[in-house]
């Protein structure tokens, strides 16, 4: 209504201006004289202006006729749409102008304006493959997901826009948490665009979350084939998938297939610690101690880890502490100064009841890296050397409040996992877990300082009917013993890890 009123006012103003201009020209004295080829024409100012307007109009008509003639010649030469383009040129200009304005509005966050411009562009252009996409994105921006889904479904009907439609609906299903439907849509999208890197990543993550390890390995192979993944990264992630497949097969009770999958994972990535430990145990089950030793030593050379030490111990489970210490020395010698190596050597000496040597193995770790494991090993050494319960409890009290030490930490979100998994349980990222110390402020060992009274009590309660026992409140370690420097690693209660 307001726009109509404005147009009426503008029309009246223009008519009034034209009338005033004509009256002024009629009253104006003088004129225009045109002489050419012996002819002479005298024009009043009003007729001169009218002639000028007619001349401009004639030039415009001539140009249009020339353009039409050119379009006709093109049509005769085989360009079937030349004449159509000639008549639609103005509409196309308006349509593309509206489309451009809609894209600018979308970039500026003005969803409703973008939808209006997309509708206008569609009226002029009749190209839904362009305008529908703009409409869908604008609808999502304004929160109208029903409209967006409706437009995405329209895009499915055109071969040129089918991929965009599938991808749009897939993203909506991901946002809704419908992973089953999203997985099917991701597979369809990858069939339409095998080289699309984002779709490859989404499908790989969904397949891994669904434990479809075989499908995930195929997707990983597609990433390698189309150049979106370096070969070394592909080998590492393929090993992760093979290891995950082995664990699932083992849960199903198929030991042989699990063993073969674990060995394959280790061959793909020898430095993948969980795969090396799993493969080593597979070789042990086969009675092949030589291969198990080789696998563990190769992985230990890349990065020492407690799981590797445990698998190495399982090769000869019934050996004496002295024999075990001798067998472990070549393994420890690969990284003699590494924290894991020094902790392992200390524990082996504790098992052999050589407590001074265990203390020497730890060295200055209690001062430079006093985590819970180092402090609990120091508690074990103190007990083995005959220290009082107050001293032992002092080490354990420090261990409860000390950093946990290296754990499986997601490199992306820093979430801590009790054991290695292929997908972070927090951010759902694939192959982001690393054996490292958590960042400052991360949770410490399970239980924390809340377990202090229980551990102190368990050490004190030797016999409920022993008159020499002192009440727990009187045997708590003093402040000095809580902060006395030391090292160690402990397992449960006051048992030393063998």
Protein backbone atom coordinates (compact mmCIF):
# COMPACT_ATOMS: atom_id res chain seq x y z
CA UNK A 1 0.00 0.00 0.00
CA UNK A 2 2.74 2.45 0.93
CA UNK A 3 4.77 1.54 -2.14
CA UNK A 4 1.75 2.15 -4.39
CA UNK A 5 1.21 5.56 -2.83
CA UNK A 6 4.87 6.43 -3.39
CA UNK A 7 4.63 5.43 -7.06
CA UNK A 8 1.52 7.59 -7.55
CA UNK A 9 3.23 10.57 -5.97
CA UNK A 10 6.31 10.11 -8.14
CA UNK A 11 4.14 9.90 -11.28
CA UNK A 12 2.34 13.13 -10.41
CA UNK A 13 5.65 14.87 -9.71
CA UNK A 14 7.10 13.76 -13.05
CA UNK A 15 4.00 14.87 -14.98
CA UNK A 16 4.08 18.23 -13.26
CA UNK A 17 7.79 18.65 -13.99
CA UNK A 18 7.27 17.75 -17.66
CA UNK A 19 4.39 20.23 -17.94
CA UNK A 20 6.42 23.01 -16.37
CA UNK A 21 9.36 22.24 -18.64
CA UNK A 22 7.17 22.30 -21.77
CA UNK A 23 5.60 25.63 -20.73
CA UNK A 24 9.03 27.11 -20.13
CA UNK A 25 10.27 25.99 -23.55
CA UNK A 26 7.20 27.41 -25.27
CA UNK A 27 7.78 30.79 -23.71
CA UNK A 28 11.48 30.76 -24.45
CA UNK A 29 12.55 33.07 -27.28
CA UNK A 30 14.93 32.10 -30.07
CA UNK A 31 15.29 28.66 -31.61
CA UNK A 32 17.51 26.17 -33.42
CA UNK A 33 18.51 26.49 -37.07
CA UNK A 34 19.61 23.38 -38.97
CA UNK A 35 21.16 23.83 -42.43
CA UNK A 36 22.32 20.93 -44.59
CA UNK A 37 22.60 20.25 -48.36
CA UNK A 38 20.88 23.48 -49.27
CA UNK A 39 18.03 22.94 -46.84
CA UNK A 40 17.41 25.00 -43.76
CA UNK A 41 15.06 24.23 -40.85
CA UNK A 42 14.23 26.58 -37.98
CA UNK A 43 12.94 24.95 -34.79
CA UNK A 44 11.52 26.49 -31.67
CA UNK A 45 13.14 25.39 -28.37
CA UNK A 46 10.26 23.01 -27.64
CA UNK A 47 10.47 21.30 -31.03
CA UNK A 48 14.26 21.12 -30.73
CA UNK A 49 14.02 19.25 -27.43
CA UNK A 50 11.39 16.91 -28.85
CA UNK A 51 13.59 16.24 -31.88
CA UNK A 52 16.56 15.46 -29.61
CA UNK A 53 14.48 12.99 -27.61
CA UNK A 54 13.25 11.37 -30.83
CA UNK A 55 16.82 11.11 -32.09
CA UNK A 56 18.01 9.36 -28.91
CA UNK A 57 15.08 6.96 -29.12
CA UNK A 58 15.85 6.22 -32.75
CA UNK A 59 19.48 5.43 -31.93
CA UNK A 60 18.33 3.07 -29.18
CA UNK A 61 15.94 1.30 -31.55
CA UNK A 62 18.66 0.94 -34.17
CA UNK A 63 21.02 -0.63 -31.63
CA UNK A 64 18.33 -3.06 -30.53
CA UNK A 65 17.60 -3.99 -34.13
CA UNK A 66 21.30 -4.57 -34.80
CA UNK A 67 21.51 -6.81 -31.69
CA UNK A 68 18.44 -8.73 -32.84
CA UNK A 69 19.94 -9.12 -36.32
CA UNK A 70 23.14 -10.53 -34.78
CA UNK A 71 21.10 -12.97 -32.64
CA UNK A 72 19.20 -14.07 -35.75
CA UNK A 73 22.43 -14.73 -37.64
CA UNK A 74 23.68 -16.81 -34.69
CA UNK A 75 20.45 -18.77 -34.68
CA UNK A 76 20.80 -19.44 -38.42
CA UNK A 77 24.37 -20.65 -37.79
CA UNK A 78 23.17 -23.27 -35.27
CA UNK A 79 22.91 -21.48 -31.91
CA UNK A 80 19.38 -22.60 -31.00
CA UNK A 81 19.08 -20.39 -27.93
CA UNK A 82 20.48 -17.18 -29.41
CA UNK A 83 17.10 -15.49 -30.02
CA UNK A 84 15.76 -16.70 -26.65
CA UNK A 85 18.78 -15.24 -24.88
CA UNK A 86 18.25 -11.95 -26.72
CA UNK A 87 14.70 -11.55 -25.40
CA UNK A 88 15.58 -12.87 -21.89
CA UNK A 89 18.72 -10.81 -21.43
CA UNK A 90 17.03 -8.21 -19.31
CA UNK A 91 15.32 -10.83 -17.15
CA UNK A 92 18.63 -12.63 -16.66
CA UNK A 93 20.32 -9.44 -15.56
CA UNK A 94 17.64 -8.86 -12.97
CA UNK A 95 17.76 -12.50 -11.90
CA UNK A 96 21.51 -12.61 -11.46
CA UNK A 97 21.40 -9.29 -9.65
CA UNK A 98 18.86 -10.73 -7.20
CA UNK A 99 20.94 -13.90 -6.83
CA UNK A 100 24.06 -11.85 -6.09
CA UNK A 101 22.21 -9.78 -3.52
CA UNK A 102 20.86 -12.96 -1.93
CA UNK A 103 24.35 -14.42 -1.58
CA UNK A 104 25.58 -11.19 0.00
CA UNK A 105 22.64 -11.25 2.42
CA UNK A 106 23.43 -14.86 3.32
CA UNK A 107 27.07 -13.98 3.98
CA UNK A 108 25.91 -11.08 6.15
CA UNK A 109 23.66 -13.35 8.22
CA UNK A 110 20.38 -11.91 6.89
CA UNK A 111 18.53 -15.16 6.28
CA UNK A 112 15.08 -13.75 5.54
CA UNK A 113 16.40 -11.22 3.04
CA UNK A 114 18.37 -13.99 1.35
CA UNK A 115 15.21 -16.10 1.01
CA UNK A 116 13.35 -13.15 -0.55
CA UNK A 117 16.15 -12.52 -3.03
CA UNK A 118 16.31 -16.22 -3.89
CA UNK A 119 12.57 -16.22 -4.64
CA UNK A 120 12.97 -13.17 -6.88
CA UNK A 121 15.92 -14.72 -8.69
CA UNK A 122 13.90 -17.86 -9.34
CA UNK A 123 11.10 -15.83 -10.95
CA UNK A 124 13.55 -14.30 -13.42
CA UNK A 125 16.04 -17.11 -14.01
CA UNK A 126 14.08 -20.35 -13.65
CA UNK A 127 17.27 -22.09 -12.48
CA UNK A 128 16.35 -24.05 -9.35
CA UNK A 129 19.81 -25.60 -9.16
CA UNK A 130 21.07 -22.15 -8.13
CA UNK A 131 18.16 -20.61 -6.24
CA UNK A 132 17.14 -23.73 -4.28
CA UNK A 133 20.56 -24.02 -2.69
CA UNK A 134 20.42 -20.37 -1.62
CA UNK A 135 16.90 -20.91 -0.26
CA UNK A 136 17.92 -24.00 1.71
CA UNK A 137 20.91 -22.32 3.32
CA UNK A 138 18.86 -19.23 4.15
CA UNK A 139 16.13 -21.43 5.68
CA UNK A 140 18.68 -23.18 7.89
CA UNK A 141 20.05 -19.81 8.97
CA UNK A 142 16.58 -18.64 10.04
CA UNK A 143 15.90 -21.93 11.84
CA UNK A 144 13.27 -23.14 9.36
CA UNK A 145 14.61 -26.70 9.08
CA UNK A 146 11.36 -28.01 7.58
CA UNK A 147 11.70 -25.58 4.68
CA UNK A 148 15.39 -26.46 4.28
CA UNK A 149 14.65 -30.19 4.17
CA UNK A 150 11.87 -29.60 1.64
CA UNK A 151 14.27 -27.71 -0.65
CA UNK A 152 17.00 -30.34 -0.24
CA UNK A 153 14.52 -32.99 -1.32
CA UNK A 154 13.77 -30.94 -4.44
CA UNK A 155 17.49 -30.86 -5.18
CA UNK A 156 17.50 -34.68 -5.21
CA UNK A 157 15.42 -34.67 -8.39
CA UNK A 158 18.14 -33.06 -10.49
CA UNK A 159 21.30 -34.99 -11.37
CA UNK A 160 23.38 -31.82 -11.15
CA UNK A 161 22.20 -31.03 -7.62
CA UNK A 162 21.57 -34.50 -6.16
CA UNK A 163 24.85 -34.54 -4.23
CA UNK A 164 24.07 -31.18 -2.62
CA UNK A 165 20.65 -32.45 -1.59
CA UNK A 166 21.99 -35.67 -0.09
CA UNK A 167 24.74 -33.80 1.77
CA UNK A 168 22.28 -31.25 3.14
CA UNK A 169 19.90 -33.91 4.49
CA UNK A 170 22.89 -35.85 5.88
CA UNK A 171 23.99 -32.83 7.88
CA UNK A 172 20.48 -32.44 9.27
CA UNK A 173 20.43 -36.08 10.38
CA UNK A 174 23.83 -35.64 12.02
CA UNK A 175 22.50 -32.64 13.93
CA UNK A 176 19.48 -34.71 15.01
CA UNK A 177 21.70 -37.56 16.20
CA UNK A 178 20.23 -40.03 13.69
CA UNK A 179 23.56 -41.69 12.91
CA UNK A 180 22.05 -44.71 11.14
CA UNK A 181 20.33 -42.60 8.49
CA UNK A 182 23.32 -40.25 8.30
CA UNK A 183 25.58 -43.25 7.59
CA UNK A 184 23.42 -44.37 4.67
CA UNK A 185 23.29 -40.84 3.29
CA UNK A 186 27.06 -40.47 3.62
CA UNK A 187 27.54 -43.69 1.64
CA UNK A 188 25.21 -42.37 -1.06
CA UNK A 189 26.98 -39.00 -1.13
CA UNK A 190 30.36 -40.70 -1.52
CA UNK A 191 29.01 -42.76 -4.43
CA UNK A 192 28.00 -39.50 -6.12
CA UNK A 193 31.29 -37.68 -5.35
CA UNK A 194 34.05 -40.21 -4.53
CA UNK A 195 36.68 -37.44 -4.29
CA UNK A 196 34.79 -35.23 -1.83
CA UNK A 197 37.10 -35.08 1.20
CA UNK A 198 34.56 -33.87 3.76
CA UNK A 199 32.17 -36.69 2.88
CA UNK A 200 35.01 -39.20 3.15
CA UNK A 201 35.83 -37.96 6.65
CA UNK A 202 32.21 -38.00 7.79
CA UNK A 203 31.64 -41.50 6.43
CA UNK A 204 34.85 -42.79 8.01
CA UNK A 205 33.85 -41.38 11.40
CA UNK A 206 30.33 -42.81 11.17
CA UNK A 207 31.58 -46.24 10.10
CA UNK A 208 34.10 -46.32 12.93
CA UNK A 209 31.44 -45.26 15.44
CA UNK A 210 29.21 -48.09 14.17
CA UNK A 211 32.17 -50.55 14.41
CA UNK A 212 31.94 -51.16 10.67
CA UNK A 213 35.68 -51.65 10.47
CA UNK A 214 35.66 -53.29 7.03
CA UNK A 215 33.66 -50.39 5.57
CA UNK A 216 35.90 -47.88 7.30
CA UNK A 217 38.98 -49.51 5.78
CA UNK A 218 37.40 -49.25 2.32
CA UNK A 219 36.69 -45.56 2.91
CA UNK A 220 40.26 -45.09 4.09
CA UNK A 221 41.47 -46.74 0.90
CA UNK A 222 39.32 -44.33 -1.12
CA UNK A 223 40.97 -41.39 0.66
CA UNK A 224 44.38 -42.76 -0.28
CA UNK A 225 43.31 -43.45 -3.86
CA UNK A 226 41.99 -39.93 -4.44
CA UNK A 227 44.97 -38.22 -2.83
CA UNK A 228 43.27 -36.82 0.28
CA UNK A 229 45.45 -38.82 2.69
CA UNK A 230 49.25 -39.31 2.76
CA UNK A 231 50.41 -42.90 2.46
CA UNK A 232 52.12 -43.01 5.87
CA UNK A 233 49.00 -41.67 7.61
CA UNK A 234 46.92 -44.21 5.71
CA UNK A 235 49.09 -47.07 6.98
CA UNK A 236 48.80 -45.85 10.56
CA UNK A 237 45.01 -45.44 10.44
CA UNK A 238 44.54 -48.69 8.59
CA UNK A 239 46.44 -50.33 11.45
CA UNK A 240 44.12 -48.65 13.96
CA UNK A 241 41.09 -50.03 12.11
CA UNK A 242 42.63 -53.50 11.86
CA UNK A 243 43.34 -53.48 15.60
CA UNK A 244 39.78 -52.36 16.36
CA UNK A 245 38.48 -55.13 14.15
CA UNK A 246 40.69 -57.62 16.03
CA UNK A 247 39.27 -56.52 19.39
CA UNK A 248 35.70 -56.92 18.17
CA UNK A 249 36.46 -60.35 16.74
CA UNK A 250 38.02 -61.36 20.05
CA UNK A 251 34.87 -60.31 21.89
CA UNK A 252 32.91 -62.55 19.56
CA UNK A 253 35.07 -65.45 20.70
CA UNK A 254 37.09 -66.00 17.53
CA UNK A 255 40.62 -66.05 18.91
CA UNK A 256 42.29 -67.13 15.68
CA UNK A 257 40.81 -64.36 13.52
CA UNK A 258 41.50 -61.81 16.25
CA UNK A 259 45.12 -62.91 16.43
CA UNK A 260 45.55 -62.63 12.66
CA UNK A 261 43.95 -59.17 12.59
CA UNK A 262 46.19 -57.99 15.42
CA UNK A 263 49.30 -59.28 13.66
CA UNK A 264 48.18 -57.49 10.47
CA UNK A 265 47.69 -54.26 12.44
CA UNK A 266 51.19 -54.57 13.88
CA UNK A 267 52.71 -55.11 10.45
CA UNK A 268 50.93 -52.02 9.14
CA UNK A 269 52.16 -49.84 12.01
CA UNK A 270 54.85 -51.43 14.22
CA UNK A 271 54.96 -48.38 16.52
CA UNK A 272 51.23 -48.57 17.38
CA UNK A 273 51.53 -49.69 20.99
CA UNK A 274 48.13 -51.41 21.45
CA UNK A 275 48.62 -53.32 18.19
CA UNK A 276 52.12 -54.43 19.21
CA UNK A 277 50.93 -55.63 22.63
CA UNK A 278 47.95 -57.43 21.07
CA UNK A 279 50.07 -59.04 18.36
CA UNK A 280 52.71 -60.10 20.87
CA UNK A 281 50.10 -61.88 22.96
CA UNK A 282 48.83 -63.52 19.80
CA UNK A 283 52.31 -64.85 19.07
CA UNK A 284 52.59 -66.01 22.70
CA UNK A 285 49.35 -67.96 22.31
CA UNK A 286 50.87 -69.58 19.23
CA UNK A 287 53.97 -70.47 21.24
CA UNK A 288 56.12 -68.21 19.07
CA UNK A 289 58.17 -66.38 21.71
CA UNK A 290 60.74 -65.25 19.16
CA UNK A 291 58.24 -63.23 17.11
CA UNK A 292 56.60 -61.87 20.25
CA UNK A 293 59.98 -60.62 21.50
CA UNK A 294 60.77 -59.04 18.15
CA UNK A 295 57.41 -57.21 18.01
CA UNK A 296 57.76 -55.83 21.55
CA UNK A 297 61.35 -54.70 21.10
CA UNK A 298 60.49 -52.87 17.89
CA UNK A 299 57.57 -51.06 19.52
CA UNK A 300 59.60 -50.32 22.66
CA UNK A 301 62.29 -48.74 20.51
CA UNK A 302 59.63 -46.34 19.20
CA UNK A 303 58.07 -45.60 22.62
CA UNK A 304 58.37 -47.49 25.93
CA UNK A 305 54.99 -48.35 27.45
CA UNK A 306 53.74 -50.40 30.42
CA UNK A 307 51.53 -52.57 28.17
CA UNK A 308 54.61 -53.63 26.22
CA UNK A 309 56.41 -54.49 29.44
CA UNK A 310 53.42 -56.56 30.59
CA UNK A 311 53.34 -58.44 27.26
CA UNK A 312 57.11 -59.00 27.46
CA UNK A 313 56.69 -60.46 30.95
CA UNK A 314 53.93 -62.78 29.67
CA UNK A 315 56.40 -64.44 27.28
CA UNK A 316 57.91 -66.32 30.26
CA UNK A 317 55.29 -66.01 33.00
CA UNK A 318 56.86 -68.37 35.58
CA UNK A 319 60.49 -67.17 35.61
CA UNK A 320 62.28 -66.09 38.77
CA UNK A 321 62.71 -62.38 39.59
CA UNK A 322 66.45 -62.62 38.87
CA UNK A 323 65.90 -64.31 35.51
CA UNK A 324 63.25 -61.77 34.59
CA UNK A 325 65.55 -58.90 35.45
CA UNK A 326 68.25 -60.38 33.24
CA UNK A 327 65.82 -60.94 30.34
CA UNK A 328 64.45 -57.40 30.54
CA UNK A 329 67.83 -55.64 30.53
CA UNK A 330 68.30 -55.70 26.69
CA UNK A 331 64.79 -54.23 26.33
CA UNK A 332 65.50 -51.49 28.89
CA UNK A 333 68.87 -50.76 27.26
CA UNK A 334 67.10 -49.38 24.16
CA UNK A 335 65.95 -46.33 26.18
CA UNK A 336 67.86 -46.48 29.48
CA UNK A 337 67.03 -42.88 30.48
CA UNK A 338 63.34 -43.00 29.61
CA UNK A 339 60.96 -42.70 32.58
CA UNK A 340 59.20 -45.96 31.68
CA UNK A 341 62.52 -47.79 31.48
CA UNK A 342 63.67 -46.49 34.85
CA UNK A 343 60.33 -47.32 36.47
CA UNK A 344 60.41 -50.80 34.97
CA UNK A 345 63.95 -51.41 36.20
CA UNK A 346 63.01 -50.21 39.69
CA UNK A 347 60.02 -52.56 39.85
CA UNK A 348 62.07 -55.50 38.64
CA UNK A 349 64.63 -54.83 41.37
CA UNK A 350 61.85 -54.56 43.93
CA UNK A 351 60.59 -57.96 42.81
CA UNK A 352 64.16 -59.26 43.23
CA UNK A 353 64.24 -57.58 46.69
CA UNK A 354 67.21 -55.42 45.71
CA UNK A 355 65.80 -52.19 47.15
CA UNK A 356 68.98 -50.05 47.02
CA UNK A 357 69.32 -50.84 43.31
CA UNK A 358 65.64 -49.99 42.81
CA UNK A 359 66.24 -46.61 44.45
CA UNK A 360 69.26 -46.01 42.21
CA UNK A 361 67.16 -46.90 39.13
CA UNK A 362 64.67 -44.17 39.97
CA UNK A 363 67.44 -41.63 40.55
CA UNK A 364 66.09 -38.08 40.61
CA UNK A 365 62.67 -38.85 39.12
CA UNK A 366 61.02 -38.09 42.45
CA UNK A 367 62.29 -34.53 42.17
CA UNK A 368 62.01 -33.97 38.41
CA UNK A 369 58.80 -35.91 37.59
CA UNK A 370 57.00 -36.88 40.81
CA UNK A 371 53.84 -38.52 39.51
CA UNK A 372 51.64 -41.07 41.28
CA UNK A 373 53.45 -44.11 39.89
CA UNK A 374 56.91 -42.88 40.91
CA UNK A 375 55.73 -42.02 44.41
CA UNK A 376 54.03 -45.38 44.92
CA UNK A 377 57.18 -47.20 43.80
CA UNK A 378 59.07 -45.16 46.38
CA UNK A 379 56.52 -46.32 48.97
CA UNK A 380 57.29 -49.91 47.96
CA UNK A 381 61.04 -49.28 48.25
CA UNK A 382 60.59 -47.66 51.65
CA UNK A 383 58.58 -50.64 52.90
CA UNK A 384 61.14 -53.08 51.50
CA UNK A 385 63.94 -51.21 53.26
CA UNK A 386 62.08 -51.48 56.58
CA UNK A 387 60.84 -47.90 56.88
CA UNK A 388 58.05 -47.16 59.35
CA UNK A 389 54.41 -47.15 58.35
CA UNK A 390 54.35 -43.38 58.79
CA UNK A 391 56.97 -42.96 56.04
CA UNK A 392 55.23 -45.42 53.72
CA UNK A 393 51.90 -43.70 54.26
CA UNK A 394 53.56 -40.37 53.58
CA UNK A 395 54.59 -41.59 50.11
CA UNK A 396 51.12 -42.97 49.46
CA UNK A 397 49.51 -39.73 50.61
CA UNK A 398 51.68 -37.79 48.15
CA UNK A 399 50.89 -40.32 45.41
CA UNK A 400 47.15 -39.75 45.83
CA UNK A 401 47.44 -36.02 45.24
CA UNK A 402 50.22 -36.16 42.62
CA UNK A 403 49.66 -36.09 38.84
CA UNK A 404 48.65 -39.43 37.40
CA UNK A 405 51.50 -39.50 34.89
CA UNK A 406 51.23 -40.55 31.23
CA UNK A 407 47.78 -41.70 30.12
CA UNK A 408 45.83 -42.12 26.91
CA UNK A 409 44.93 -38.49 26.15
CA UNK A 410 43.02 -37.18 23.14
CA UNK A 411 45.25 -34.70 21.33
CA UNK A 412 42.22 -32.78 20.13
CA UNK A 413 40.03 -32.31 23.22
CA UNK A 414 42.48 -33.55 25.94
CA UNK A 415 39.95 -36.05 27.29
CA UNK A 416 41.60 -38.84 29.33
CA UNK A 417 40.77 -42.49 28.60
CA UNK A 418 41.49 -45.44 30.91
CA UNK A 419 42.53 -47.52 27.90
CA UNK A 420 43.25 -47.00 24.23
CA UNK A 421 40.25 -46.70 21.90
CA UNK A 422 40.20 -45.80 18.19
CA UNK A 423 37.64 -42.99 18.66
CA UNK A 424 37.72 -40.38 21.40
CA UNK A 425 34.74 -40.89 23.67
CA UNK A 426 34.34 -37.15 24.12
CA UNK A 427 34.86 -35.40 20.75
CA UNK A 428 34.43 -38.53 18.54
CA UNK A 429 37.69 -37.82 16.71
CA UNK A 430 39.39 -40.76 15.03
CA UNK A 431 42.94 -41.85 15.96
CA UNK A 432 43.71 -38.91 18.23
CA UNK A 433 44.78 -40.75 21.40
CA UNK A 434 48.41 -40.44 22.47
CA UNK A 435 50.30 -41.81 25.49
CA UNK A 436 51.30 -38.60 27.22
CA UNK A 437 50.89 -36.66 30.43
CA UNK A 438 47.55 -34.83 30.64
CA UNK A 439 47.63 -31.02 30.57
CA UNK A 440 47.68 -29.14 33.85
CA UNK A 441 44.38 -29.25 35.67
CA UNK A 442 43.32 -32.65 34.32
CA UNK A 443 41.96 -35.24 36.81
CA UNK A 444 44.53 -37.34 38.70
CA UNK A 445 44.38 -41.01 39.59
CA UNK A 446 40.91 -42.46 40.26
CA UNK A 447 39.77 -41.77 43.78
CA UNK A 448 42.09 -38.84 44.37
CA UNK A 449 42.58 -37.46 47.84
CA UNK A 450 39.17 -38.82 48.89
CA UNK A 451 40.83 -42.27 49.15
CA UNK A 452 43.50 -41.08 51.62
CA UNK A 453 41.72 -42.20 54.83
CA UNK A 454 41.00 -45.63 53.32
CA UNK A 455 44.60 -46.26 52.27
CA UNK A 456 45.99 -44.94 55.54
CA UNK A 457 43.58 -47.16 57.42
CA UNK A 458 44.37 -50.23 55.30
CA UNK A 459 48.07 -49.86 56.05
CA UNK A 460 47.45 -49.38 59.76
CA UNK A 461 44.91 -52.15 60.31
CA UNK A 462 47.26 -55.11 60.69
CA UNK A 463 45.22 -56.91 63.35
CA UNK A 464 42.01 -55.77 64.97
CA UNK A 465 42.87 -57.41 68.29
CA UNK A 466 46.50 -56.21 68.48
CA UNK A 467 46.80 -53.95 71.58
CA UNK A 468 49.77 -52.18 69.97
CA UNK A 469 47.57 -50.72 67.26
CA UNK A 470 47.10 -46.96 67.38
CA UNK A 471 43.82 -45.30 66.28
CA UNK A 472 43.88 -44.02 62.69
CA UNK A 473 43.60 -40.39 63.77
CA UNK A 474 46.87 -40.70 65.70
CA UNK A 475 49.00 -42.33 62.98
CA UNK A 476 48.35 -39.90 60.12
CA UNK A 477 51.67 -38.83 58.56
CA UNK A 478 53.03 -35.54 59.70
CA UNK A 479 53.44 -32.57 57.35
CA UNK A 480 57.17 -33.23 56.84
CA UNK A 481 56.67 -36.85 55.74
CA UNK A 482 53.90 -35.83 53.32
CA UNK A 483 56.33 -33.64 51.37
CA UNK A 484 59.61 -35.53 51.79
CA UNK A 485 61.25 -36.04 48.33
CA UNK A 486 61.12 -39.60 46.84
CA UNK A 487 60.10 -41.73 43.73
CA UNK A 488 57.90 -44.71 42.79
CA UNK A 489 55.14 -46.81 41.19
CA UNK A 490 52.51 -48.85 43.07
CA UNK A 491 49.53 -50.94 42.17
CA UNK A 492 46.88 -51.88 44.72
CA UNK A 493 47.10 -51.28 48.44
CA UNK A 494 50.67 -52.06 49.51
CA UNK A 495 51.40 -54.71 46.87
CA UNK A 496 54.33 -54.11 44.55
CA UNK A 497 53.66 -54.56 40.83
CA UNK A 498 55.52 -57.72 39.85
